[in-house]
Structure formats: C-alpha cells, structure tokens
Amino acid sequence: MQKNEGKIDRAVRVVLGLVLLYVGAAQVVTTGMATYIIALLGLILLVTGATGYCALYSILKLDTLNDKVG
C-alpha cells in the first residue's frame, strides 16, 4: 500500500474519526443502528488517517499526498 493522503487530509480524518467514535460510544444518537454506523465510519476514518492510505482514493485515482488528481 502506497500512501495517498496528505498531512491535512490525514489530520482531518483523525480528528473527525475521533469525534464520530465518541458520538457512537457515548450514544449521542440513540437510534440503535445509526450509533453503530457512526462508530464504524469513525473507525474507518481513524484507520485511514493513521495509515495514510485510502482504498477509495486508489479506486478513484486521487492522491492528496502529492496534490495530483488522475
């Protein structure tokens, strides 16, 4: 896996991932399935931000690491 996320992109993902994990864990949204979906999205954002690799970016041929598209 080659990194394809820039520093700002990674920082935003980590912060947003932590916020979503907190919202899911604190059950701010009290409708059962929505809580799990929010927590899962937070986990995905946290992992992709920590690793610097996003599979969706690879599929779409995006790269914020080098600020190039396509």
C-alpha atoms as a PDB file:
ATOM      1  CA  MET A   1       0.000   0.000   0.000  1.00  0.00           C
ATOM      2  CA  GLN A   2       1.417   3.284  -1.101  1.00  0.00           C
ATOM      3  CA  LYS A   3       0.336   6.338   0.892  1.00  0.00           C
ATOM      4  CA  ASN A   4      -2.094   8.587  -0.938  1.00  0.00           C
ATOM      5  CA  GLU A   5      -3.191  11.062   1.750  1.00  0.00           C
ATOM      6  CA  GLY A   6      -1.557  14.379   2.546  1.00  0.00           C
ATOM      7  CA  LYS A   7      -0.914  15.765   6.039  1.00  0.00           C
ATOM      8  CA  ILE A   8      -4.015  17.948   6.180  1.00  0.00           C
ATOM      9  CA  ASP A   9      -6.214  15.171   4.825  1.00  0.00           C
ATOM     10  CA  ARG A  10      -4.852  12.755   7.431  1.00  0.00           C
ATOM     11  CA  ALA A  11      -5.285  15.240  10.283  1.00  0.00           C
ATOM     12  CA  VAL A  12      -8.895  15.954   9.326  1.00  0.00           C
ATOM     13  CA  ARG A  13      -9.635  12.218   9.095  1.00  0.00           C
ATOM     14  CA  VAL A  14      -8.140  11.508  12.525  1.00  0.00           C
ATOM     15  CA  VAL A  15      -9.995  14.351  14.226  1.00  0.00           C
ATOM     16  CA  LEU A  16     -13.298  13.551  12.526  1.00  0.00           C
ATOM     17  CA  GLY A  17     -12.788   9.846  13.242  1.00  0.00           C
ATOM     18  CA  LEU A  18     -12.266  10.517  16.938  1.00  0.00           C
ATOM     19  CA  VAL A  19     -15.350  12.735  17.062  1.00  0.00           C
ATOM     20  CA  LEU A  20     -17.506  10.105  15.355  1.00  0.00           C
ATOM     21  CA  LEU A  21     -16.173   7.361  17.618  1.00  0.00           C
ATOM     22  CA  TYR A  22     -17.035   9.468  20.641  1.00  0.00           C
ATOM     23  CA  VAL A  23     -20.526  10.159  19.302  1.00  0.00           C
ATOM     24  CA  GLY A  24     -21.016   6.443  18.710  1.00  0.00           C
ATOM     25  CA  ALA A  25     -19.596   5.366  22.064  1.00  0.00           C
ATOM     26  CA  ALA A  26     -21.495   7.997  24.040  1.00  0.00           C
ATOM     27  CA  GLN A  27     -24.666   7.019  22.170  1.00  0.00           C
ATOM     28  CA  VAL A  28     -25.492  10.620  21.370  1.00  0.00           C
ATOM     29  CA  VAL A  29     -27.630   9.262  18.542  1.00  0.00           C
ATOM     30  CA  THR A  30     -29.975   6.927  20.359  1.00  0.00           C
ATOM     31  CA  THR A  31     -31.365   5.045  17.371  1.00  0.00           C
ATOM     32  CA  GLY A  32     -29.623   1.665  17.607  1.00  0.00           C
ATOM     33  CA  MET A  33     -28.259   1.002  14.125  1.00  0.00           C
ATOM     34  CA  ALA A  34     -27.264   4.628  13.482  1.00  0.00           C
ATOM     35  CA  THR A  35     -24.977   4.507  16.523  1.00  0.00           C
ATOM     36  CA  TYR A  36     -23.074   1.542  15.093  1.00  0.00           C
ATOM     37  CA  ILE A  37     -22.834   3.076  11.634  1.00  0.00           C
ATOM     38  CA  ILE A  38     -21.461   6.341  13.035  1.00  0.00           C
ATOM     39  CA  ALA A  39     -18.910   4.468  15.149  1.00  0.00           C
ATOM     40  CA  LEU A  40     -17.869   2.335  12.158  1.00  0.00           C
ATOM     41  CA  LEU A  41     -17.385   5.411   9.980  1.00  0.00           C
ATOM     42  CA  GLY A  42     -15.308   6.968  12.755  1.00  0.00           C
ATOM     43  CA  LEU A  43     -13.151   3.854  12.968  1.00  0.00           C
ATOM     44  CA  ILE A  44     -12.635   3.780   9.203  1.00  0.00           C
ATOM     45  CA  LEU A  45     -11.627   7.453   9.160  1.00  0.00           C
ATOM     46  CA  LEU A  46      -9.275   6.936  12.093  1.00  0.00           C
ATOM     47  CA  VAL A  47      -7.559   3.941  10.489  1.00  0.00           C
ATOM     48  CA  THR A  48      -7.196   5.571   7.081  1.00  0.00           C
ATOM     49  CA  GLY A  49      -5.878   8.741   8.684  1.00  0.00           C
ATOM     50  CA  ALA A  50      -3.373   6.810  10.774  1.00  0.00           C
ATOM     51  CA  THR A  51      -2.103   4.695   7.868  1.00  0.00           C
ATOM     52  CA  GLY A  52      -2.163   7.418   5.213  1.00  0.00           C
ATOM     53  CA  TYR A  53      -3.858   5.098   2.712  1.00  0.00           C
ATOM     54  CA  CYS A  54      -7.430   5.251   1.434  1.00  0.00           C
ATOM     55  CA  ALA A  55      -8.678   2.443  -0.816  1.00  0.00           C
ATOM     56  CA  LEU A  56     -11.403   4.673  -2.245  1.00  0.00           C
ATOM     57  CA  TYR A  57      -8.756   7.201  -3.286  1.00  0.00           C
ATOM     58  CA  SER A  58      -6.918   4.405  -5.109  1.00  0.00           C
ATOM     59  CA  ILE A  59     -10.062   3.384  -6.975  1.00  0.00           C
ATOM     60  CA  LEU A  60     -10.799   6.998  -7.936  1.00  0.00           C
ATOM     61  CA  LYS A  61      -7.096   7.664  -8.675  1.00  0.00           C
ATOM     62  CA  LEU A  62      -6.927  10.525  -6.176  1.00  0.00           C
ATOM     63  CA  ASP A  63      -3.755  11.489  -4.345  1.00  0.00           C
ATOM     64  CA  THR A  64      -3.681  14.307  -1.810  1.00  0.00           C
ATOM     65  CA  LEU A  65      -0.135  13.413  -0.794  1.00  0.00           C
ATOM     66  CA  ASN A  66       1.332  14.881  -3.950  1.00  0.00           C
ATOM     67  CA  ASP A  67      -1.613  17.168  -4.748  1.00  0.00           C
ATOM     68  CA  LYS A  68      -2.271  15.483  -8.081  1.00  0.00           C
ATOM     69  CA  VAL A  69      -5.501  14.108  -9.472  1.00  0.00           C
ATOM     70  CA  GLY A  70      -5.732  11.335 -12.083  1.00  0.00           C
END
